[in-house]
């Protein structure tokens, strides 16, 4: 996060874009396993369970999504049932209606009992954990918070008609 997302990636943005992004405190609470629903992950992410003396928070402008973000993004007829199912047990029934399920990608949340493990959304829609940098072909999806004075001024959010943002006074 510090070197790539908040260094190289952030520095590649225009000054106007940089001025729209808030610097926030990202919570780094971890979990021991994936056998929990989104609400339990949400609580763990904001908790203090970390490996050794790893930090419990981190301040920056660009991070990664939390596992709970992925879990809460499920919609459709399966939403209510998927919110009560452990990530490990969800399978494709939940992911097909989850707007955040597109690829395999890392989340910000670490495993609390291992030094180099973090959770990621897997290709079978199950939230796995894996040692970072182990040759796994997993993407990152930069995540950020916009400043409170940023408003949507146009666009539909498609590739051909992206959202347009502007700062209000």
Protein backbone atom coordinates (compact mmCIF):
# COMPACT_ATOMS: atom_id res chain seq x y z
CA UNK A 1 0.00 0.00 0.00
CA UNK A 2 2.64 2.50 0.96
CA UNK A 3 5.08 1.98 -1.88
CA UNK A 4 2.93 1.05 -4.87
CA UNK A 5 -0.62 2.34 -4.33
CA UNK A 6 0.29 5.47 -2.35
CA UNK A 7 3.55 5.98 -4.20
CA UNK A 8 3.74 5.04 -7.88
CA UNK A 9 0.00 4.74 -8.52
CA UNK A 10 -1.00 7.86 -6.57
CA UNK A 11 1.82 9.92 -8.09
CA UNK A 12 0.54 9.01 -11.57
CA UNK A 13 -2.79 10.75 -10.92
CA UNK A 14 -3.45 14.31 -11.97
CA UNK A 15 -3.28 17.05 -9.36
CA UNK A 16 -7.03 17.51 -9.71
CA UNK A 17 -7.66 13.81 -8.96
CA UNK A 18 -5.25 13.82 -6.00
CA UNK A 19 -7.09 16.81 -4.51
CA UNK A 20 -10.34 14.80 -4.52
CA UNK A 21 -9.01 11.91 -2.40
CA UNK A 22 -9.19 11.86 1.40
CA UNK A 23 -6.38 10.63 3.59
CA UNK A 24 -7.99 8.21 6.02
CA UNK A 25 -7.15 5.70 8.71
CA UNK A 26 -7.41 2.16 7.30
CA UNK A 27 -8.08 -0.56 9.86
CA UNK A 28 -5.77 -3.58 9.76
CA UNK A 29 -7.46 -5.95 12.19
CA UNK A 30 -7.16 -9.56 11.04
CA UNK A 31 -8.83 -12.93 11.37
CA UNK A 32 -7.57 -16.43 11.87
CA UNK A 33 -9.82 -18.08 9.28
CA UNK A 34 -12.42 -17.58 6.55
CA UNK A 35 -15.26 -19.37 8.27
CA UNK A 36 -17.27 -16.25 9.07
CA UNK A 37 -19.96 -14.13 7.35
CA UNK A 38 -19.44 -10.53 6.23
CA UNK A 39 -20.68 -9.02 9.51
CA UNK A 40 -18.13 -10.98 11.55
CA UNK A 41 -15.35 -9.97 9.14
CA UNK A 42 -16.45 -6.34 9.49
CA UNK A 43 -15.97 -6.52 13.26
CA UNK A 44 -12.59 -8.28 12.91
CA UNK A 45 -11.32 -5.76 10.34
CA UNK A 46 -11.88 -2.98 12.85
CA UNK A 47 -10.46 -4.99 15.73
CA UNK A 48 -6.97 -5.24 17.15
CA UNK A 49 -6.08 -8.86 16.37
CA UNK A 50 -2.86 -8.69 14.34
CA UNK A 51 0.23 -10.83 13.94
CA UNK A 52 2.96 -9.98 16.45
CA UNK A 53 3.66 -6.26 16.54
CA UNK A 54 2.10 -5.51 13.14
CA UNK A 55 0.24 -2.18 13.08
CA UNK A 56 -3.50 -2.10 13.82
CA UNK A 57 -4.13 0.88 11.53
CA UNK A 58 -2.47 2.60 8.62
CA UNK A 59 -3.06 6.12 7.27
CA UNK A 60 -3.07 6.73 3.54
CA UNK A 61 -5.07 7.80 0.53
CA UNK A 62 -5.37 4.58 -1.49
CA UNK A 63 -5.96 1.12 -0.07
CA UNK A 64 -7.71 -2.13 -0.94
CA UNK A 65 -11.24 -3.29 -0.17
CA UNK A 66 -12.01 -5.24 2.96
CA UNK A 67 -13.50 -8.75 2.80
CA UNK A 68 -16.69 -7.37 4.34
CA UNK A 69 -17.01 -4.93 1.40
CA UNK A 70 -17.09 -7.93 -0.91
CA UNK A 71 -19.59 -9.73 1.33
CA UNK A 72 -21.96 -6.79 1.69
CA UNK A 73 -21.95 -6.17 -2.09
CA UNK A 74 -24.14 -9.19 -2.81
CA UNK A 75 -27.61 -8.36 -4.09
CA UNK A 76 -30.60 -9.96 -5.70
CA UNK A 77 -32.79 -12.69 -4.26
CA UNK A 78 -29.84 -14.31 -2.45
CA UNK A 79 -28.72 -11.26 -0.45
CA UNK A 80 -30.38 -12.10 2.87
CA UNK A 81 -29.19 -15.70 2.91
CA UNK A 82 -25.68 -14.87 1.66
CA UNK A 83 -25.17 -12.33 4.45
CA UNK A 84 -25.56 -15.14 7.01
CA UNK A 85 -23.31 -17.72 5.28
CA UNK A 86 -19.59 -18.06 6.00
CA UNK A 87 -17.48 -16.85 3.07
CA UNK A 88 -15.92 -20.32 2.85
CA UNK A 89 -19.31 -21.93 2.26
CA UNK A 90 -20.87 -19.40 -0.15
CA UNK A 91 -19.81 -20.70 -3.57
CA UNK A 92 -21.17 -19.34 -6.83
CA UNK A 93 -24.71 -18.88 -5.51
CA UNK A 94 -23.63 -15.67 -3.77
CA UNK A 95 -20.94 -14.42 -6.14
CA UNK A 96 -23.16 -14.37 -9.22
CA UNK A 97 -25.11 -11.51 -7.63
CA UNK A 98 -22.09 -9.75 -6.08
CA UNK A 99 -21.12 -6.65 -8.06
CA UNK A 100 -17.59 -6.77 -6.60
CA UNK A 101 -16.90 -10.29 -7.87
CA UNK A 102 -15.07 -9.93 -11.16
CA UNK A 103 -11.54 -11.30 -10.75
CA UNK A 104 -9.22 -12.71 -8.14
CA UNK A 105 -8.00 -9.76 -6.06
CA UNK A 106 -6.34 -8.98 -2.76
CA UNK A 107 -8.12 -7.44 0.20
CA UNK A 108 -6.54 -5.28 2.90
CA UNK A 109 -7.26 -7.71 5.75
CA UNK A 110 -4.40 -9.90 7.01
CA UNK A 111 -4.58 -13.26 8.75
CA UNK A 112 -3.84 -12.60 12.37
CA UNK A 113 -1.76 -15.69 13.12
CA UNK A 114 0.69 -15.59 10.20
CA UNK A 115 3.16 -12.89 9.23
CA UNK A 116 2.74 -12.89 5.44
CA UNK A 117 -0.85 -14.01 4.87
CA UNK A 118 -3.75 -11.93 3.70
CA UNK A 119 -7.23 -12.68 2.40
CA UNK A 120 -8.22 -12.50 -1.25
CA UNK A 121 -11.32 -13.13 -3.31
CA UNK A 122 -10.66 -16.37 -5.16
CA UNK A 123 -11.63 -17.57 -8.62
CA UNK A 124 -14.20 -19.92 -7.13
CA UNK A 125 -15.80 -17.00 -5.27
CA UNK A 126 -14.46 -18.18 -1.92
CA UNK A 127 -12.49 -15.78 0.22
CA UNK A 128 -9.11 -17.44 0.67
CA UNK A 129 -5.99 -16.48 2.53
CA UNK A 130 -2.54 -16.82 1.05
CA UNK A 131 1.02 -15.76 1.64
CA UNK A 132 1.58 -12.46 -0.15
CA UNK A 133 3.98 -12.55 -3.08
CA UNK A 134 3.82 -16.32 -3.49
CA UNK A 135 3.52 -16.31 -7.28
CA UNK A 136 -0.27 -16.25 -7.18
CA UNK A 137 -1.79 -14.27 -10.07
CA UNK A 138 -4.08 -12.04 -8.02
CA UNK A 139 -4.98 -8.47 -8.95
CA UNK A 140 -5.39 -5.35 -6.86
CA UNK A 141 -8.38 -3.03 -7.04
CA UNK A 142 -7.33 0.37 -5.69
CA UNK A 143 -9.90 1.77 -3.28
CA UNK A 144 -10.25 5.30 -1.99
CA UNK A 145 -12.53 7.68 -0.20
CA UNK A 146 -13.51 10.92 -1.89
CA UNK A 147 -13.48 14.19 0.01
CA UNK A 148 -16.90 15.23 1.29
CA UNK A 149 -17.09 18.16 -1.15
CA UNK A 150 -16.91 15.92 -4.25
CA UNK A 151 -20.14 15.52 -6.21
CA UNK A 152 -21.20 13.51 -9.22
CA UNK A 153 -21.61 15.92 -12.11
CA UNK A 154 -22.38 13.53 -14.96
CA UNK A 155 -21.81 10.22 -16.67
CA UNK A 156 -23.39 6.83 -16.16
CA UNK A 157 -20.37 4.91 -14.90
CA UNK A 158 -19.74 2.88 -18.05
CA UNK A 159 -16.50 2.60 -19.98
CA UNK A 160 -17.87 4.83 -22.73
CA UNK A 161 -19.58 7.29 -20.37
CA UNK A 162 -17.59 7.36 -17.09
CA UNK A 163 -18.74 9.22 -14.02
CA UNK A 164 -17.62 12.84 -13.88
CA UNK A 165 -16.68 14.27 -10.51
CA UNK A 166 -16.23 17.84 -9.40
CA UNK A 167 -15.38 19.65 -6.23
CA UNK A 168 -18.06 21.94 -4.86
CA UNK A 169 -17.18 25.06 -2.91
